Amino acid sequence: MENTLKTENFNVTTIVEFVLLGFSDIPNLQWILFGIFLVIYLTILMCNSIIILIIRIDPALQTPMYFFLSNFSFLEICYVTVTIPRMLMDLLTQKGNISFFACAAQMCFVLMFGGSECLLLTVMAYDRYVAICNPLHYPLVMNHKVCVQLVTVAWISGVPVVIGQTCQIFSLPFCGSNTINHFFCDLPPVLKLACGDTFLNEIAVYVVAVVFVMIPFLLIVVSYGKIISNILKLSTAKGRAKAFSTCSSHLIVVVLFYGTATITYLQPKPNQSEGVGKLISLFYTILIPTLNPLIYTLRNKDIMVALRKLLTKLLP
């Protein structure tokens, strides 16, 4: 009995690294996946960088809406950089070893940037609400100081919560398997490896998810309820079409991002399938950040005009 306890304690304290399985279950596709994800990553970096650049240099885009969009694009770059380079390295080396500290750091940054994205999408919805529902007061309400304050809150308000939650999870004892059936250190699969009773940790995850996912989502729904009500009151079809066009891109991004985040972090633990969880994670960590620049540029006339101006200057 004493030897068993010693062995268990040894197992708990000697896990100094995890192994990310990633896509090792499809070994024949490793190089194809590497090529696909590399192209996707470079596309995300390039498209978001172009959006930031044209918003910065074009005087016509010096408005609160585009100030928030440039922050959103920078946030997307940060978000994908936490996961995709690591995944590319694992596909290249076909090894998924990640240290205990690196795993904790990756989870912390993924949750931090994900939480910031939720809050920033809420800020963008509030901006559209003020612009459409209170257009006369818009310059006063959404002045530069207020915009900077809102963005600052979106970036930093979740930091202490996420750091606390990450420390709480990684202070749990880990025994037995150190294999994570995922391509990055996401919260649900890591929590599954913890020994003992994780009920309080799961409750904490749900509480944080409600605060950073559900409450912002409800605020966005309320904002868009009032926006749509106001748009329908407009007398001209042209006015309604213009108002809808300024909101539609943001609304598409909200539905995609919040839909996958809700399934991942608010689904009861016993119902979570590792394969399905991995697929959903691919959506919100890779596919949606790839689509976001396309959604915002192709559906936005101001961005397209600014892009043509820039190309005209660069390509005489």
C-alpha atoms as a PDB file:
ATOM      1  CA  MET A   1       0.000   0.000   0.000  1.00  0.00           C
ATOM      2  CA  GLU A   2       2.809   2.366   0.941  1.00  0.00           C
ATOM      3  CA  ASN A   3       4.659   1.560  -2.300  1.00  0.00           C
ATOM      4  CA  THR A   4       1.482   2.296  -4.311  1.00  0.00           C
ATOM      5  CA  LEU A   5       1.105   5.703  -2.678  1.00  0.00           C
ATOM      6  CA  LYS A   6       4.749   6.480  -3.408  1.00  0.00           C
ATOM      7  CA  THR A   7       4.239   5.478  -7.040  1.00  0.00           C
ATOM      8  CA  GLU A   8       1.121   7.662  -7.324  1.00  0.00           C
ATOM      9  CA  ASN A   9       2.931  10.654  -5.808  1.00  0.00           C
ATOM     10  CA  PHE A  10       5.826  10.027  -8.195  1.00  0.00           C
ATOM     11  CA  ASN A  11       3.436  10.035 -11.173  1.00  0.00           C
ATOM     12  CA  VAL A  12       1.800  13.273 -10.015  1.00  0.00           C
ATOM     13  CA  THR A  13       5.045  15.182  -9.566  1.00  0.00           C
ATOM     14  CA  THR A  14       7.058  13.878 -12.533  1.00  0.00           C
ATOM     15  CA  ILE A  15       4.814  15.099 -15.366  1.00  0.00           C
ATOM     16  CA  VAL A  16       7.033  17.901 -16.642  1.00  0.00           C
ATOM     17  CA  GLU A  17       5.681  17.887 -20.188  1.00  0.00           C
ATOM     18  CA  PHE A  18       2.602  16.979 -22.196  1.00  0.00           C
ATOM     19  CA  VAL A  19       2.308  15.422 -25.634  1.00  0.00           C
ATOM     20  CA  LEU A  20      -0.048  17.063 -28.135  1.00  0.00           C
ATOM     21  CA  LEU A  21      -1.410  14.364 -30.439  1.00  0.00           C
ATOM     22  CA  GLY A  22      -2.516  16.948 -32.997  1.00  0.00           C
ATOM     23  CA  PHE A  23      -3.228  15.151 -36.282  1.00  0.00           C
ATOM     24  CA  SER A  24      -1.055  12.097 -35.630  1.00  0.00           C
ATOM     25  CA  ASP A  25      -4.097   9.880 -36.292  1.00  0.00           C
ATOM     26  CA  ILE A  26      -3.789  10.776 -40.001  1.00  0.00           C
ATOM     27  CA  PRO A  27      -0.005  10.361 -40.606  1.00  0.00           C
ATOM     28  CA  ASN A  28      -0.307  10.262 -44.407  1.00  0.00           C
ATOM     29  CA  LEU A  29      -1.694  13.811 -44.462  1.00  0.00           C
ATOM     30  CA  GLN A  30       0.904  15.479 -42.201  1.00  0.00           C
ATOM     31  CA  TRP A  31       2.755  17.289 -45.022  1.00  0.00           C
ATOM     32  CA  ILE A  32      -0.459  18.278 -46.807  1.00  0.00           C
ATOM     33  CA  LEU A  33      -1.833  19.720 -43.551  1.00  0.00           C
ATOM     34  CA  PHE A  34       1.471  21.529 -42.949  1.00  0.00           C
ATOM     35  CA  GLY A  35       1.207  23.186 -46.367  1.00  0.00           C
ATOM     36  CA  ILE A  36      -2.477  24.110 -45.912  1.00  0.00           C
ATOM     37  CA  PHE A  37      -2.014  25.587 -42.421  1.00  0.00           C
ATOM     38  CA  LEU A  38       1.145  27.468 -43.458  1.00  0.00           C
ATOM     39  CA  VAL A  39      -0.724  29.123 -46.363  1.00  0.00           C
ATOM     40  CA  ILE A  40      -3.673  29.899 -44.054  1.00  0.00           C
ATOM     41  CA  TYR A  41      -1.377  31.441 -41.397  1.00  0.00           C
ATOM     42  CA  LEU A  42       0.461  33.612 -43.926  1.00  0.00           C
ATOM     43  CA  THR A  43      -2.898  34.674 -45.427  1.00  0.00           C
ATOM     44  CA  ILE A  44      -4.227  35.706 -42.004  1.00  0.00           C
ATOM     45  CA  LEU A  45      -1.057  37.694 -41.264  1.00  0.00           C
ATOM     46  CA  MET A  46      -1.046  39.396 -44.675  1.00  0.00           C
ATOM     47  CA  CYS A  47      -4.767  40.231 -44.873  1.00  0.00           C
ATOM     48  CA  ASN A  48      -5.010  41.601 -41.327  1.00  0.00           C
ATOM     49  CA  SER A  49      -1.778  43.569 -41.744  1.00  0.00           C
ATOM     50  CA  ILE A  50      -3.171  45.150 -44.940  1.00  0.00           C
ATOM     51  CA  ILE A  51      -6.399  46.095 -43.119  1.00  0.00           C
ATOM     52  CA  ILE A  52      -4.377  47.717 -40.277  1.00  0.00           C
ATOM     53  CA  LEU A  53      -2.175  49.547 -42.809  1.00  0.00           C
ATOM     54  CA  ILE A  54      -4.959  51.002 -44.958  1.00  0.00           C
ATOM     55  CA  ILE A  55      -6.969  52.069 -41.897  1.00  0.00           C
ATOM     56  CA  ARG A  56      -3.873  53.819 -40.545  1.00  0.00           C
ATOM     57  CA  ILE A  57      -2.941  55.698 -43.734  1.00  0.00           C
ATOM     58  CA  ASP A  58      -6.344  56.537 -45.272  1.00  0.00           C
ATOM     59  CA  PRO A  59      -7.897  59.733 -43.817  1.00  0.00           C
ATOM     60  CA  ALA A  60     -11.407  58.566 -44.817  1.00  0.00           C
ATOM     61  CA  LEU A  61     -11.064  55.609 -42.422  1.00  0.00           C
ATOM     62  CA  GLN A  62     -10.161  57.634 -39.313  1.00  0.00           C
ATOM     63  CA  THR A  63     -13.469  56.821 -37.599  1.00  0.00           C
ATOM     64  CA  PRO A  64     -14.325  54.828 -34.445  1.00  0.00           C
ATOM     65  CA  MET A  65     -15.648  51.870 -36.483  1.00  0.00           C
ATOM     66  CA  TYR A  66     -12.342  51.417 -38.309  1.00  0.00           C
ATOM     67  CA  PHE A  67     -10.315  52.135 -35.180  1.00  0.00           C
ATOM     68  CA  PHE A  68     -12.055  49.136 -33.570  1.00  0.00           C
ATOM     69  CA  LEU A  69     -11.617  47.080 -36.744  1.00  0.00           C
ATOM     70  CA  SER A  70      -7.849  47.718 -36.795  1.00  0.00           C
ATOM     71  CA  ASN A  71      -7.653  46.588 -33.163  1.00  0.00           C
ATOM     72  CA  PHE A  72      -9.702  43.518 -34.044  1.00  0.00           C
ATOM     73  CA  SER A  73      -7.316  42.688 -36.924  1.00  0.00           C
ATOM     74  CA  PHE A  74      -4.285  43.028 -34.637  1.00  0.00           C
ATOM     75  CA  LEU A  75      -6.013  40.831 -32.047  1.00  0.00           C
ATOM     76  CA  GLU A  76      -6.630  38.175 -34.732  1.00  0.00           C
ATOM     77  CA  ILE A  77      -2.909  38.168 -35.585  1.00  0.00           C
ATOM     78  CA  CYS A  78      -2.030  37.663 -31.902  1.00  0.00           C
ATOM     79  CA  TYR A  79      -4.700  34.978 -31.504  1.00  0.00           C
ATOM     80  CA  VAL A  80      -3.565  32.749 -34.384  1.00  0.00           C
ATOM     81  CA  THR A  81       0.135  33.257 -33.575  1.00  0.00           C
ATOM     82  CA  VAL A  82      -0.391  31.540 -30.202  1.00  0.00           C
ATOM     83  CA  THR A  83      -1.560  28.289 -31.838  1.00  0.00           C
ATOM     84  CA  ILE A  84      -0.653  27.905 -35.522  1.00  0.00           C
ATOM     85  CA  PRO A  85       3.203  28.242 -35.413  1.00  0.00           C
ATOM     86  CA  ARG A  86       3.324  25.600 -32.655  1.00  0.00           C
ATOM     87  CA  MET A  87       1.026  23.333 -34.685  1.00  0.00           C
ATOM     88  CA  LEU A  88       3.204  23.814 -37.798  1.00  0.00           C
ATOM     89  CA  MET A  89       6.311  22.873 -35.811  1.00  0.00           C
ATOM     90  CA  ASP A  90       4.609  19.700 -34.518  1.00  0.00           C
ATOM     91  CA  LEU A  91       3.532  18.745 -38.051  1.00  0.00           C
ATOM     92  CA  LEU A  92       7.074  19.383 -39.334  1.00  0.00           C
ATOM     93  CA  THR A  93       8.896  17.431 -36.601  1.00  0.00           C
ATOM     94  CA  GLN A  94       6.032  14.941 -36.054  1.00  0.00           C
ATOM     95  CA  LYS A  95       6.615  15.379 -32.318  1.00  0.00           C
ATOM     96  CA  GLY A  96       4.069  16.989 -30.043  1.00  0.00           C
ATOM     97  CA  ASN A  97       6.106  17.388 -26.856  1.00  0.00           C
ATOM     98  CA  ILE A  98       5.313  20.609 -25.001  1.00  0.00           C
ATOM     99  CA  SER A  99       6.632  21.570 -21.576  1.00  0.00           C
ATOM    100  CA  PHE A 100       4.335  22.058 -18.600  1.00  0.00           C
ATOM    101  CA  PHE A 101       5.072  25.811 -18.535  1.00  0.00           C
ATOM    102  CA  ALA A 102       4.705  26.250 -22.330  1.00  0.00           C
ATOM    103  CA  CYS A 103       1.349  24.455 -22.226  1.00  0.00           C
ATOM    104  CA  ALA A 104       0.148  26.718 -19.399  1.00  0.00           C
ATOM    105  CA  ALA A 105       1.376  29.831 -21.247  1.00  0.00           C
ATOM    106  CA  GLN A 106      -0.331  28.778 -24.487  1.00  0.00           C
ATOM    107  CA  MET A 107      -3.652  28.137 -22.729  1.00  0.00           C
ATOM    108  CA  CYS A 108      -3.389  31.462 -20.903  1.00  0.00           C
ATOM    109  CA  PHE A 109      -2.832  33.456 -24.105  1.00  0.00           C
ATOM    110  CA  VAL A 110      -5.540  31.589 -26.058  1.00  0.00           C
ATOM    111  CA  LEU A 111      -8.097  32.324 -23.313  1.00  0.00           C
ATOM    112  CA  MET A 112      -6.849  35.896 -22.907  1.00  0.00           C
ATOM    113  CA  PHE A 113      -7.083  36.777 -26.605  1.00  0.00           C
ATOM    114  CA  GLY A 114     -10.359  34.842 -26.955  1.00  0.00           C
ATOM    115  CA  GLY A 115     -11.882  36.809 -24.061  1.00  0.00           C
ATOM    116  CA  SER A 116     -10.613  40.076 -25.534  1.00  0.00           C
ATOM    117  CA  GLU A 117     -12.200  39.154 -28.872  1.00  0.00           C
ATOM    118  CA  CYS A 118     -15.581  38.607 -27.186  1.00  0.00           C
ATOM    119  CA  LEU A 119     -15.383  42.003 -25.489  1.00  0.00           C
ATOM    120  CA  LEU A 120     -14.118  43.803 -28.588  1.00  0.00           C
ATOM    121  CA  LEU A 121     -16.968  42.387 -30.685  1.00  0.00           C
ATOM    122  CA  THR A 122     -19.331  43.764 -28.017  1.00  0.00           C
ATOM    123  CA  VAL A 123     -17.672  47.185 -28.227  1.00  0.00           C
ATOM    124  CA  MET A 124     -18.042  47.108 -32.025  1.00  0.00           C
ATOM    125  CA  ALA A 125     -21.756  46.269 -31.647  1.00  0.00           C
ATOM    126  CA  TYR A 126     -22.158  49.217 -29.232  1.00  0.00           C
ATOM    127  CA  ASP A 127     -20.434  51.486 -31.764  1.00  0.00           C
ATOM    128  CA  ARG A 128     -22.910  50.427 -34.486  1.00  0.00           C
ATOM    129  CA  TYR A 129     -25.814  50.909 -32.034  1.00  0.00           C
ATOM    130  CA  VAL A 130     -24.789  54.506 -31.257  1.00  0.00           C
ATOM    131  CA  ALA A 131     -24.110  55.269 -34.944  1.00  0.00           C
ATOM    132  CA  ILE A 132     -27.519  54.056 -36.120  1.00  0.00           C
ATOM    133  CA  CYS A 133     -29.765  54.734 -33.129  1.00  0.00           C
ATOM    134  CA  ASN A 134     -28.209  58.037 -31.959  1.00  0.00           C
ATOM    135  CA  PRO A 135     -26.463  59.469 -35.042  1.00  0.00           C
ATOM    136  CA  LEU A 136     -26.612  63.106 -33.872  1.00  0.00           C
ATOM    137  CA  HIS A 137     -24.818  62.292 -30.620  1.00  0.00           C
ATOM    138  CA  TYR A 138     -22.378  59.808 -32.230  1.00  0.00           C
ATOM    139  CA  PRO A 139     -19.326  62.163 -32.508  1.00  0.00           C
ATOM    140  CA  LEU A 140     -19.780  63.214 -28.867  1.00  0.00           C
ATOM    141  CA  VAL A 141     -20.478  59.736 -27.415  1.00  0.00           C
ATOM    142  CA  MET A 142     -17.805  57.907 -29.435  1.00  0.00           C
ATOM    143  CA  ASN A 143     -15.014  60.461 -29.168  1.00  0.00           C
ATOM    144  CA  HIS A 144     -11.379  59.302 -29.416  1.00  0.00           C
ATOM    145  CA  LYS A 145     -10.862  59.160 -25.645  1.00  0.00           C
ATOM    146  CA  VAL A 146     -13.917  56.918 -25.159  1.00  0.00           C
ATOM    147  CA  CYS A 147     -12.808  54.648 -28.028  1.00  0.00           C
ATOM    148  CA  VAL A 148      -9.344  54.207 -26.491  1.00  0.00           C
ATOM    149  CA  GLN A 149     -10.886  53.469 -23.084  1.00  0.00           C
ATOM    150  CA  LEU A 150     -13.260  50.864 -24.542  1.00  0.00           C
ATOM    151  CA  VAL A 151     -10.453  49.133 -26.432  1.00  0.00           C
ATOM    152  CA  THR A 152      -8.232  49.172 -23.332  1.00  0.00           C
ATOM    153  CA  VAL A 153     -10.992  47.547 -21.263  1.00  0.00           C
ATOM    154  CA  ALA A 154     -11.479  44.894 -23.964  1.00  0.00           C
ATOM    155  CA  TRP A 155      -7.750  44.100 -24.035  1.00  0.00           C
ATOM    156  CA  ILE A 156      -6.928  43.993 -20.325  1.00  0.00           C
ATOM    157  CA  SER A 157     -10.075  43.317 -18.277  1.00  0.00           C
ATOM    158  CA  GLY A 158      -9.864  39.544 -18.725  1.00  0.00           C
ATOM    159  CA  VAL A 159      -6.124  39.266 -18.019  1.00  0.00           C
ATOM    160  CA  PRO A 160      -6.245  38.758 -14.196  1.00  0.00           C
ATOM    161  CA  VAL A 161      -9.193  36.345 -14.499  1.00  0.00           C
ATOM    162  CA  VAL A 162      -7.477  34.221 -17.162  1.00  0.00           C
ATOM    163  CA  ILE A 163      -4.139  34.157 -15.309  1.00  0.00           C
ATOM    164  CA  GLY A 164      -5.942  33.104 -12.123  1.00  0.00           C
ATOM    165  CA  GLN A 165      -7.875  30.356 -13.908  1.00  0.00           C
ATOM    166  CA  THR A 166      -4.772  29.040 -15.691  1.00  0.00           C
ATOM    167  CA  CYS A 167      -2.814  28.914 -12.404  1.00  0.00           C
ATOM    168  CA  GLN A 168      -5.754  27.148 -10.760  1.00  0.00           C
ATOM    169  CA  ILE A 169      -5.890  24.456 -13.470  1.00  0.00           C
ATOM    170  CA  PHE A 170      -2.138  23.856 -13.665  1.00  0.00           C
ATOM    171  CA  SER A 171      -1.833  23.633  -9.873  1.00  0.00           C
ATOM    172  CA  LEU A 172      -4.021  20.498 -10.038  1.00  0.00           C
ATOM    173  CA  PRO A 173      -2.263  17.125  -9.768  1.00  0.00           C
ATOM    174  CA  PHE A 174      -1.707  15.414 -13.137  1.00  0.00           C
ATOM    175  CA  CYS A 175      -1.180  11.676 -13.037  1.00  0.00           C
ATOM    176  CA  GLY A 176      -1.394   8.821 -15.499  1.00  0.00           C
ATOM    177  CA  SER A 177      -1.507   9.914 -19.142  1.00  0.00           C
ATOM    178  CA  ASN A 178       0.173  13.131 -20.250  1.00  0.00           C
ATOM    179  CA  THR A 179      -1.257  12.879 -23.787  1.00  0.00           C
ATOM    180  CA  ILE A 180      -3.535  15.690 -24.941  1.00  0.00           C
ATOM    181  CA  ASN A 181      -5.746  14.707 -27.878  1.00  0.00           C
ATOM    182  CA  HIS A 182      -5.650  18.171 -29.394  1.00  0.00           C
ATOM    183  CA  PHE A 183      -3.403  20.431 -31.493  1.00  0.00           C
ATOM    184  CA  PHE A 184      -2.965  23.025 -28.724  1.00  0.00           C
ATOM    185  CA  CYS A 185      -3.374  23.234 -24.944  1.00  0.00           C
ATOM    186  CA  ASP A 186      -7.066  24.047 -24.814  1.00  0.00           C
ATOM    187  CA  LEU A 187      -8.906  24.114 -21.517  1.00  0.00           C
ATOM    188  CA  PRO A 188     -11.314  21.113 -21.831  1.00  0.00           C
ATOM    189  CA  PRO A 189      -8.737  18.460 -22.922  1.00  0.00           C
ATOM    190  CA  VAL A 190      -6.159  19.591 -20.325  1.00  0.00           C
ATOM    191  CA  LEU A 191      -8.761  19.559 -17.549  1.00  0.00           C
ATOM    192  CA  LYS A 192      -9.619  15.965 -18.513  1.00  0.00           C
ATOM    193  CA  LEU A 193      -6.075  14.857 -17.575  1.00  0.00           C
ATOM    194  CA  ALA A 194      -6.261  16.265 -14.035  1.00  0.00           C
ATOM    195  CA  CYS A 195      -6.570  13.783 -11.162  1.00  0.00           C
ATOM    196  CA  GLY A 196      -9.073  13.962  -8.349  1.00  0.00           C
ATOM    197  CA  ASP A 197     -12.191  16.057  -8.134  1.00  0.00           C
ATOM    198  CA  THR A 198     -12.257  18.857 -10.732  1.00  0.00           C
ATOM    199  CA  PHE A 199     -15.859  19.911 -10.049  1.00  0.00           C
ATOM    200  CA  LEU A 200     -14.934  23.357  -8.665  1.00  0.00           C
ATOM    201  CA  ASN A 201     -12.605  23.966 -11.608  1.00  0.00           C
ATOM    202  CA  GLU A 202     -15.372  23.073 -14.051  1.00  0.00           C
ATOM    203  CA  ILE A 203     -17.762  25.453 -12.268  1.00  0.00           C
ATOM    204  CA  ALA A 204     -15.111  28.197 -12.505  1.00  0.00           C
ATOM    205  CA  VAL A 205     -14.782  27.526 -16.253  1.00  0.00           C
ATOM    206  CA  TYR A 206     -18.555  27.858 -16.720  1.00  0.00           C
ATOM    207  CA  VAL A 207     -18.695  31.074 -14.654  1.00  0.00           C
ATOM    208  CA  VAL A 208     -15.878  32.668 -16.673  1.00  0.00           C
ATOM    209  CA  ALA A 209     -17.482  31.470 -19.935  1.00  0.00           C
ATOM    210  CA  VAL A 210     -20.798  33.040 -18.922  1.00  0.00           C
ATOM    211  CA  VAL A 211     -19.096  36.346 -18.036  1.00  0.00           C
ATOM    212  CA  PHE A 212     -16.906  36.548 -21.163  1.00  0.00           C
ATOM    213  CA  VAL A 213     -19.064  34.706 -23.705  1.00  0.00           C
ATOM    214  CA  MET A 214     -22.757  34.727 -22.807  1.00  0.00           C
ATOM    215  CA  ILE A 215     -23.106  38.202 -21.254  1.00  0.00           C
ATOM    216  CA  PRO A 216     -21.283  39.956 -24.149  1.00  0.00           C
ATOM    217  CA  PHE A 217     -23.336  37.882 -26.609  1.00  0.00           C
ATOM    218  CA  LEU A 218     -26.601  38.959 -24.932  1.00  0.00           C
ATOM    219  CA  LEU A 219     -25.461  42.605 -25.036  1.00  0.00           C
ATOM    220  CA  ILE A 220     -24.751  42.215 -28.759  1.00  0.00           C
ATOM    221  CA  VAL A 221     -28.203  40.642 -29.302  1.00  0.00           C
ATOM    222  CA  VAL A 222     -29.875  43.553 -27.460  1.00  0.00           C
ATOM    223  CA  SER A 223     -27.826  46.086 -29.467  1.00  0.00           C
ATOM    224  CA  TYR A 224     -28.762  44.468 -32.770  1.00  0.00           C
ATOM    225  CA  GLY A 225     -32.401  44.178 -31.724  1.00  0.00           C
ATOM    226  CA  LYS A 226     -32.503  47.962 -31.312  1.00  0.00           C
ATOM    227  CA  ILE A 227     -30.419  48.519 -34.476  1.00  0.00           C
ATOM    228  CA  ILE A 228     -32.736  46.389 -36.638  1.00  0.00           C
ATOM    229  CA  SER A 229     -35.794  48.101 -35.116  1.00  0.00           C
ATOM    230  CA  ASN A 230     -34.335  51.506 -36.017  1.00  0.00           C
ATOM    231  CA  ILE A 231     -33.314  50.424 -39.523  1.00  0.00           C
ATOM    232  CA  LEU A 232     -36.818  49.208 -40.294  1.00  0.00           C
ATOM    233  CA  LYS A 233     -38.147  52.670 -39.380  1.00  0.00           C
ATOM    234  CA  LEU A 234     -36.018  54.352 -42.059  1.00  0.00           C
ATOM    235  CA  SER A 235     -38.147  55.771 -44.854  1.00  0.00           C
ATOM    236  CA  THR A 236     -35.966  54.929 -47.853  1.00  0.00           C
ATOM    237  CA  ALA A 237     -34.880  51.493 -49.088  1.00  0.00           C
ATOM    238  CA  LYS A 238     -31.433  52.924 -49.876  1.00  0.00           C
ATOM    239  CA  GLY A 239     -31.024  54.102 -46.279  1.00  0.00           C
ATOM    240  CA  ARG A 240     -32.046  50.702 -44.938  1.00  0.00           C
ATOM    241  CA  ALA A 241     -29.647  48.911 -47.299  1.00  0.00           C
ATOM    242  CA  LYS A 242     -26.735  51.169 -46.277  1.00  0.00           C
ATOM    243  CA  ALA A 243     -27.453  50.681 -42.557  1.00  0.00           C
ATOM    244  CA  PHE A 244     -27.698  46.906 -42.936  1.00  0.00           C
ATOM    245  CA  SER A 245     -24.449  46.782 -44.937  1.00  0.00           C
ATOM    246  CA  THR A 246     -22.489  48.490 -42.134  1.00  0.00           C
ATOM    247  CA  CYS A 247     -23.692  45.871 -39.636  1.00  0.00           C
ATOM    248  CA  SER A 248     -23.879  42.660 -41.648  1.00  0.00           C
ATOM    249  CA  SER A 249     -20.117  41.912 -41.651  1.00  0.00           C
ATOM    250  CA  HIS A 250     -19.875  42.299 -37.885  1.00  0.00           C
ATOM    251  CA  LEU A 251     -23.002  40.192 -37.369  1.00  0.00           C
ATOM    252  CA  ILE A 252     -21.600  37.312 -39.473  1.00  0.00           C
ATOM    253  CA  VAL A 253     -18.348  37.318 -37.446  1.00  0.00           C
ATOM    254  CA  VAL A 254     -20.322  37.373 -34.161  1.00  0.00           C
ATOM    255  CA  VAL A 255     -22.445  34.357 -35.147  1.00  0.00           C
ATOM    256  CA  LEU A 256     -19.420  32.322 -36.278  1.00  0.00           C
ATOM    257  CA  PHE A 257     -17.201  33.132 -33.292  1.00  0.00           C
ATOM    258  CA  TYR A 258     -19.784  32.925 -30.517  1.00  0.00           C
ATOM    259  CA  GLY A 259     -21.365  29.779 -31.947  1.00  0.00           C
ATOM    260  CA  THR A 260     -18.135  27.768 -31.765  1.00  0.00           C
ATOM    261  CA  ALA A 261     -16.979  29.314 -28.453  1.00  0.00           C
ATOM    262  CA  THR A 262     -20.314  28.438 -26.796  1.00  0.00           C
ATOM    263  CA  ILE A 263     -20.136  24.812 -27.959  1.00  0.00           C
ATOM    264  CA  THR A 264     -16.546  24.476 -26.674  1.00  0.00           C
ATOM    265  CA  TYR A 265     -16.718  26.144 -23.265  1.00  0.00           C
ATOM    266  CA  LEU A 266     -20.358  25.803 -22.194  1.00  0.00           C
ATOM    267  CA  GLN A 267     -20.915  22.176 -23.166  1.00  0.00           C
ATOM    268  CA  PRO A 268     -21.095  19.759 -20.194  1.00  0.00           C
ATOM    269  CA  LYS A 269     -17.837  17.835 -19.814  1.00  0.00           C
ATOM    270  CA  PRO A 270     -19.248  14.261 -20.201  1.00  0.00           C
ATOM    271  CA  ASN A 271     -20.809  15.218 -23.544  1.00  0.00           C
ATOM    272  CA  GLN A 272     -17.568  16.460 -25.048  1.00  0.00           C
ATOM    273  CA  SER A 273     -16.180  14.286 -27.828  1.00  0.00           C
ATOM    274  CA  GLU A 274     -12.434  14.828 -28.313  1.00  0.00           C
ATOM    275  CA  GLY A 275     -12.709  14.485 -32.096  1.00  0.00           C
ATOM    276  CA  VAL A 276     -15.624  16.930 -32.330  1.00  0.00           C
ATOM    277  CA  GLY A 277     -13.874  19.294 -29.889  1.00  0.00           C
ATOM    278  CA  LYS A 278     -10.770  19.292 -32.093  1.00  0.00           C
ATOM    279  CA  LEU A 279     -12.852  20.007 -35.207  1.00  0.00           C
ATOM    280  CA  ILE A 280     -14.720  22.887 -33.534  1.00  0.00           C
ATOM    281  CA  SER A 281     -11.406  24.313 -32.305  1.00  0.00           C
ATOM    282  CA  LEU A 282     -10.153  24.300 -35.910  1.00  0.00           C
ATOM    283  CA  PHE A 283     -13.130  26.512 -36.757  1.00  0.00           C
ATOM    284  CA  TYR A 284     -12.569  29.202 -34.128  1.00  0.00           C
ATOM    285  CA  THR A 285      -8.750  29.182 -34.108  1.00  0.00           C
ATOM    286  CA  ILE A 286      -8.064  28.886 -37.851  1.00  0.00           C
ATOM    287  CA  LEU A 287     -11.084  29.004 -40.175  1.00  0.00           C
ATOM    288  CA  ILE A 288     -12.900  31.999 -38.632  1.00  0.00           C
ATOM    289  CA  PRO A 289      -9.726  34.180 -38.408  1.00  0.00           C
ATOM    290  CA  THR A 290      -9.165  33.316 -42.101  1.00  0.00           C
ATOM    291  CA  LEU A 291     -12.702  34.350 -43.050  1.00  0.00           C
ATOM    292  CA  ASN A 292     -12.820  37.532 -40.939  1.00  0.00           C
ATOM    293  CA  PRO A 293     -10.593  39.714 -43.191  1.00  0.00           C
ATOM    294  CA  LEU A 294     -12.504  38.498 -46.265  1.00  0.00           C
ATOM    295  CA  ILE A 295     -15.861  39.232 -44.611  1.00  0.00           C
ATOM    296  CA  TYR A 296     -14.767  42.733 -43.560  1.00  0.00           C
ATOM    297  CA  THR A 297     -13.076  43.659 -46.869  1.00  0.00           C
ATOM    298  CA  LEU A 298     -15.325  42.116 -49.502  1.00  0.00           C
ATOM    299  CA  ARG A 299     -18.488  43.398 -47.781  1.00  0.00           C
ATOM    300  CA  ASN A 300     -17.094  46.845 -46.984  1.00  0.00           C
ATOM    301  CA  LYS A 301     -17.021  49.473 -49.749  1.00  0.00           C
ATOM    302  CA  ASP A 302     -14.841  51.941 -47.788  1.00  0.00           C
ATOM    303  CA  ILE A 303     -12.141  49.301 -47.220  1.00  0.00           C
ATOM    304  CA  MET A 304     -12.247  48.246 -50.888  1.00  0.00           C
ATOM    305  CA  VAL A 305     -11.932  51.864 -52.073  1.00  0.00           C
ATOM    306  CA  ALA A 306      -8.983  52.463 -49.710  1.00  0.00           C
ATOM    307  CA  LEU A 307      -7.372  49.216 -50.916  1.00  0.00           C
ATOM    308  CA  ARG A 308      -7.698  50.268 -54.565  1.00  0.00           C
ATOM    309  CA  LYS A 309      -6.123  53.653 -53.717  1.00  0.00           C
ATOM    310  CA  LEU A 310      -3.196  51.919 -52.030  1.00  0.00           C
ATOM    311  CA  LEU A 311      -2.701  49.523 -54.973  1.00  0.00           C
ATOM    312  CA  THR A 312      -2.830  52.448 -57.420  1.00  0.00           C
ATOM    313  CA  LYS A 313      -0.006  54.183 -55.501  1.00  0.00           C
ATOM    314  CA  LEU A 314       2.096  51.016 -55.210  1.00  0.00           C
ATOM    315  CA  LEU A 315       1.498  49.789 -58.782  1.00  0.00           C
ATOM    316  CA  PRO A 316       1.841  52.774 -61.153  1.00  0.00           C
END
